C-alpha atoms as a PDB file:
ATOM      1  CA  MET A   1    -162.856  14.241 -85.622  1.00  0.00           C
ATOM      2  CA  ALA A   2    -166.081  15.266 -83.914  1.00  0.00           C
ATOM      3  CA  GLY A   3    -167.545  16.240 -87.283  1.00  0.00           C
ATOM      4  CA  MET A   4    -166.675  12.867 -88.755  1.00  0.00           C
ATOM      5  CA  ALA A   5    -168.187  11.087 -85.750  1.00  0.00           C
ATOM      6  CA  ILE A   6    -171.407  13.084 -86.102  1.00  0.00           C
ATOM      7  CA  GLY A   7    -171.473  12.247 -89.805  1.00  0.00           C
ATOM      8  CA  VAL A   8    -171.082   8.530 -89.156  1.00  0.00           C
ATOM      9  CA  VAL A   9    -173.824   8.591 -86.513  1.00  0.00           C
ATOM     10  CA  GLY A  10    -176.038  10.322 -89.061  1.00  0.00           C
ATOM     11  CA  PHE A  11    -175.871   7.241 -91.279  1.00  0.00           C
ATOM     12  CA  ILE A  12    -177.367   4.936 -88.649  1.00  0.00           C
ATOM     13  CA  PRO A  13    -180.961   5.489 -89.883  1.00  0.00           C
ATOM     14  CA  ILE A  14    -180.065   4.374 -93.428  1.00  0.00           C
ATOM     15  CA  PRO A  15    -179.925   0.618 -92.752  1.00  0.00           C
ATOM     16  CA  LEU A  16    -182.806   0.907 -90.297  1.00  0.00           C
ATOM     17  CA  THR A  17    -185.170   2.446 -92.863  1.00  0.00           C
ATOM     18  CA  THR A  18    -184.349   0.130 -95.761  1.00  0.00           C
ATOM     19  CA  PRO A  19    -186.567  -2.897 -96.364  1.00  0.00           C
ATOM     20  CA  PRO A  20    -185.912  -5.823 -94.004  1.00  0.00           C
ATOM     21  CA  ARG A  21    -183.143  -8.208 -94.985  1.00  0.00           C
ATOM     22  CA  ARG A  22    -182.776 -11.886 -94.291  1.00  0.00           C
ATOM     23  CA  SER A  23    -179.748 -12.125 -92.010  1.00  0.00           C
ATOM     24  CA  ALA A  24    -177.690 -10.031 -89.613  1.00  0.00           C
ATOM     25  CA  ARG A  25    -174.772 -10.166 -92.043  1.00  0.00           C
ATOM     26  CA  GLU A  26    -176.875  -8.587 -94.775  1.00  0.00           C
ATOM     27  CA  PHE A  27    -178.275  -6.070 -92.270  1.00  0.00           C
ATOM     28  CA  LEU A  28    -174.786  -4.768 -91.499  1.00  0.00           C
ATOM     29  CA  SER A  29    -173.659  -4.672 -95.126  1.00  0.00           C
ATOM     30  CA  PHE A  30    -173.752  -1.434 -97.061  1.00  0.00           C
ATOM     31  CA  HIS A  31    -174.651  -1.035-100.706  1.00  0.00           C
ATOM     32  CA  GLY A  32    -172.985   1.162-103.273  1.00  0.00           C
ATOM     33  CA  ARG A  33    -175.232   4.168-102.711  1.00  0.00           C
ATOM     34  CA  GLU A  34    -174.624   4.169 -98.951  1.00  0.00           C
ATOM     35  CA  LEU A  35    -170.871   3.804 -99.418  1.00  0.00           C
ATOM     36  CA  ALA A  36    -170.896   6.638-101.957  1.00  0.00           C
ATOM     37  CA  VAL A  37    -172.677   8.982 -99.549  1.00  0.00           C
ATOM     38  CA  MET A  38    -170.347   8.056 -96.684  1.00  0.00           C
ATOM     39  CA  GLY A  39    -167.309   8.566 -98.911  1.00  0.00           C
ATOM     40  CA  ALA A  40    -168.604  11.956-100.083  1.00  0.00           C
ATOM     41  CA  ALA A  41    -169.246  13.060 -96.496  1.00  0.00           C
ATOM     42  CA  PHE A  42    -165.787  11.935 -95.393  1.00  0.00           C
ATOM     43  CA  CYS A  43    -164.070  13.695 -98.309  1.00  0.00           C
ATOM     44  CA  SER A  44    -166.043  16.873 -97.685  1.00  0.00           C
ATOM     45  CA  VAL A  45    -165.105  17.009 -94.006  1.00  0.00           C
ATOM     46  CA  TYR A  46    -161.479  16.205 -94.771  1.00  0.00           C
ATOM     47  CA  GLY A  47    -161.400  18.969 -97.380  1.00  0.00           C
ATOM     48  CA  TRP A  48    -162.679  21.502 -94.851  1.00  0.00           C
ATOM     49  CA  ILE A  49    -160.024  20.357 -92.363  1.00  0.00           C
ATOM     50  CA  LEU A  50    -157.295  20.860 -94.971  1.00  0.00           C
ATOM     51  CA  LEU A  51    -158.680  24.287 -95.888  1.00  0.00           C
ATOM     52  CA  ARG A  52    -158.665  25.309 -92.228  1.00  0.00           C
ATOM     53  CA  LYS A  53    -155.043  24.192 -91.877  1.00  0.00           C
ATOM     54  CA  LEU A  54    -154.019  26.191 -94.957  1.00  0.00           C
ATOM     55  CA  VAL A  55    -155.747  29.317 -93.708  1.00  0.00           C
ATOM     56  CA  ASN A  56    -154.472  29.098 -90.114  1.00  0.00           C
ATOM     57  CA  GLU A  57    -150.932  27.776 -90.580  1.00  0.00           C
ATOM     58  CA  ASN A  58    -149.914  29.486 -93.841  1.00  0.00           C
ATOM     59  CA  GLN A  59    -151.983  32.669 -93.431  1.00  0.00           C
ATOM     60  CA  TYR A  60    -153.638  32.204 -96.835  1.00  0.00           C
ATOM     61  CA  SER A  61    -156.995  33.805 -97.476  1.00  0.00           C
ATOM     62  CA  PRO A  62    -159.836  31.275 -97.842  1.00  0.00           C
ATOM     63  CA  MET A  63    -160.470  32.401-101.426  1.00  0.00           C
ATOM     64  CA  PHE A  64    -156.803  31.895-102.350  1.00  0.00           C
ATOM     65  CA  ALA A  65    -156.672  28.470-100.697  1.00  0.00           C
ATOM     66  CA  MET A  66    -159.823  27.291-102.507  1.00  0.00           C
ATOM     67  CA  ALA A  67    -158.592  28.365-105.946  1.00  0.00           C
END
């Protein structure tokens, strides 16, 4: 959960560095590219969590669990 929180905080600069928008509603909206990056980061972290569970709970080797 801490990794996901750090990842979300890392996206704060994205809307701040994009060109200014007209309203607060548009400022808080995300575009496709930002949603794609957030989705990829979330899936990556979730995949590592699942891999860790497989290795620790089922005693699989990391190479076996990734295959």
